Amino acid sequence: MSKIVNISEAASLAIHSLALIAQSNEMISTIDIAKITGFSKNHLSKVLQILVKNGYINSTRGPKGGFVLKAKAEEIFLLEIYELFEGKLQQTHCSLHSGKCPFKSCVFGGLTGKFTNEFYNHMNNHTIAHVIH
């Protein structure tokens, strides 16, 4: 069955981290991000590695190291970060895979499709810059 949009900890962490990195005037470390967000340093490290690998941030090692944005905050859409961690957002309107609903109208009033569409539109129209301003 399909479900209402789920935002994993990894996707949430990625978006929060990118926003913190974008608003920082200097490099920000994994430890600093972990302290601010309360997320696990180990999980955070894995998420940041994925963001580095995919070209969203640059990292510098060492005591004065940390992360900076590689792309402009205005160019990083929330949807692309969400889909990097969650996969392509499925815009389905029915929770039955078979498509053989025995009822004439949706028992959920079409809300699952509405929620998904509203989430998609928000994420597709907002960037990291929107988060920090």
Protein backbone atom coordinates (compact mmCIF):
# COMPACT_ATOMS: atom_id res chain seq x y z
CA MET A 1 0.00 0.00 0.00
CA SER A 2 1.12 3.52 -0.62
CA LYS A 3 1.34 5.82 2.33
CA ILE A 4 1.18 9.46 3.15
CA VAL A 5 4.52 11.16 2.58
CA ASN A 6 7.17 10.06 5.03
CA ILE A 7 10.16 12.23 5.88
CA SER A 8 13.00 10.07 7.17
CA GLU A 9 15.48 11.27 9.73
CA ALA A 10 18.15 11.24 7.00
CA ALA A 11 16.15 13.52 4.69
CA SER A 12 15.28 15.86 7.55
CA LEU A 13 18.89 15.90 8.71
CA ALA A 14 20.11 16.68 5.19
CA ILE A 15 17.77 19.65 4.76
CA HIS A 16 18.49 21.01 8.24
CA SER A 17 22.24 20.58 7.75
CA LEU A 18 22.22 22.32 4.37
CA ALA A 19 20.31 25.23 5.89
CA LEU A 20 22.77 25.50 8.79
CA ILE A 21 25.73 25.32 6.42
CA ALA A 22 24.16 27.93 4.13
CA GLN A 23 23.54 30.43 6.93
CA SER A 24 26.99 30.01 8.48
CA ASN A 25 29.58 32.66 7.62
CA GLU A 26 32.38 30.13 8.09
CA MET A 27 32.89 26.40 7.87
CA ILE A 28 30.66 24.47 10.22
CA SER A 29 31.69 21.09 11.62
CA THR A 30 29.80 17.86 12.09
CA ILE A 31 30.06 18.35 15.85
CA ASP A 32 28.53 21.84 15.62
CA ILE A 33 25.64 20.63 13.45
CA ALA A 34 25.04 17.69 15.80
CA LYS A 35 24.96 20.02 18.83
CA ILE A 36 22.52 22.41 17.15
CA THR A 37 20.16 19.76 15.78
CA GLY A 38 20.46 17.11 18.48
CA PHE A 39 20.98 14.43 15.82
CA SER A 40 23.45 11.58 16.20
CA LYS A 41 26.97 12.56 15.07
CA ASN A 42 27.40 9.17 13.40
CA HIS A 43 24.16 9.42 11.41
CA LEU A 44 24.94 13.03 10.57
CA SER A 45 28.38 12.05 9.22
CA LYS A 46 26.80 9.53 6.84
CA VAL A 47 24.27 12.08 5.59
CA LEU A 48 26.96 14.74 5.07
CA GLN A 49 29.07 12.22 3.12
CA ILE A 50 26.14 11.67 0.76
CA LEU A 51 25.75 15.44 0.31
CA VAL A 52 29.49 15.77 -0.44
CA LYS A 53 29.41 12.85 -2.88
CA ASN A 54 26.45 14.39 -4.71
CA GLY A 55 28.05 17.82 -5.03
CA TYR A 56 25.98 19.87 -2.61
CA ILE A 57 28.73 20.65 -0.11
CA ASN A 58 32.52 20.69 0.13
CA SER A 59 34.33 19.33 3.14
CA THR A 60 37.68 20.17 4.67
CA ARG A 61 39.28 17.90 7.25
CA GLY A 62 41.17 18.96 10.32
CA PRO A 63 40.63 20.97 13.47
CA LYS A 64 39.53 24.04 11.53
CA GLY A 65 37.69 21.98 8.93
CA GLY A 66 34.03 21.66 8.24
CA PHE A 67 31.51 22.11 5.48
CA VAL A 68 30.54 24.85 3.06
CA LEU A 69 27.93 24.89 0.31
CA LYS A 70 29.21 24.01 -3.13
CA ALA A 71 26.06 25.25 -4.86
CA LYS A 72 24.10 28.42 -4.11
CA ALA A 73 21.32 28.05 -1.54
CA GLU A 74 18.89 29.47 -4.12
CA GLU A 75 19.70 26.60 -6.48
CA ILE A 76 19.14 23.70 -4.07
CA PHE A 77 15.48 22.70 -4.11
CA LEU A 78 14.10 20.85 -1.11
CA LEU A 79 12.53 18.24 -3.38
CA GLU A 80 15.87 17.19 -4.85
CA ILE A 81 17.31 16.69 -1.38
CA TYR A 82 14.23 14.80 -0.23
CA GLU A 83 14.40 12.54 -3.30
CA LEU A 84 18.14 12.00 -2.86
CA PHE A 85 17.38 10.25 0.44
CA GLU A 86 13.85 8.94 -0.11
CA GLY A 87 13.77 8.16 -3.81
CA LYS A 88 11.35 9.62 -6.33
CA LEU A 89 8.19 10.92 -4.68
CA GLN A 90 5.28 8.76 -5.82
CA GLN A 91 2.28 10.89 -6.62
CA THR A 92 -0.40 8.25 -6.25
CA HIS A 93 -3.99 9.05 -5.48
CA CYS A 94 -5.16 5.66 -4.27
CA SER A 95 -3.83 3.47 -1.52
CA LEU A 96 -4.90 0.30 -3.33
CA HIS A 97 -2.18 -1.09 -5.57
CA SER A 98 -4.69 -3.07 -7.61
CA GLY A 99 -6.69 0.02 -8.52
CA LYS A 100 -9.87 -2.02 -7.99
CA CYS A 101 -11.57 -0.02 -5.30
CA PRO A 102 -15.08 -1.30 -4.62
CA PHE A 103 -16.35 2.20 -3.81
CA LYS A 104 -17.42 5.04 -6.10
CA SER A 105 -15.57 7.67 -4.12
CA CYS A 106 -12.36 7.51 -2.11
CA VAL A 107 -12.91 6.33 1.46
CA PHE A 108 -10.22 8.83 2.48
CA GLY A 109 -11.85 11.68 0.60
CA GLY A 110 -8.83 11.90 -1.72
CA LEU A 111 -6.75 13.33 1.12
CA THR A 112 -3.71 11.14 0.50
CA GLY A 113 -3.36 12.52 -3.02
CA LYS A 114 -3.99 16.07 -1.79
CA PHE A 115 -1.35 15.73 0.95
CA THR A 116 1.17 14.31 -1.50
CA ASN A 117 0.49 17.03 -4.09
CA GLU A 118 0.73 19.81 -1.53
CA PHE A 119 3.99 18.35 -0.17
CA TYR A 120 5.38 17.97 -3.71
CA ASN A 121 4.49 21.55 -4.63
CA HIS A 122 6.02 22.95 -1.45
CA MET A 123 9.24 20.98 -1.80
CA ASN A 124 9.51 21.69 -5.53
CA ASN A 125 9.00 25.44 -5.09
CA HIS A 126 11.22 26.05 -2.07
CA THR A 127 14.98 26.10 -1.83
CA ILE A 128 17.47 26.08 1.01
CA ALA A 129 17.47 29.88 0.68
CA HIS A 130 13.76 29.91 1.59
CA VAL A 131 14.51 27.91 4.72
CA ILE A 132 17.11 30.38 6.01
CA HIS A 133 15.24 33.59 5.17
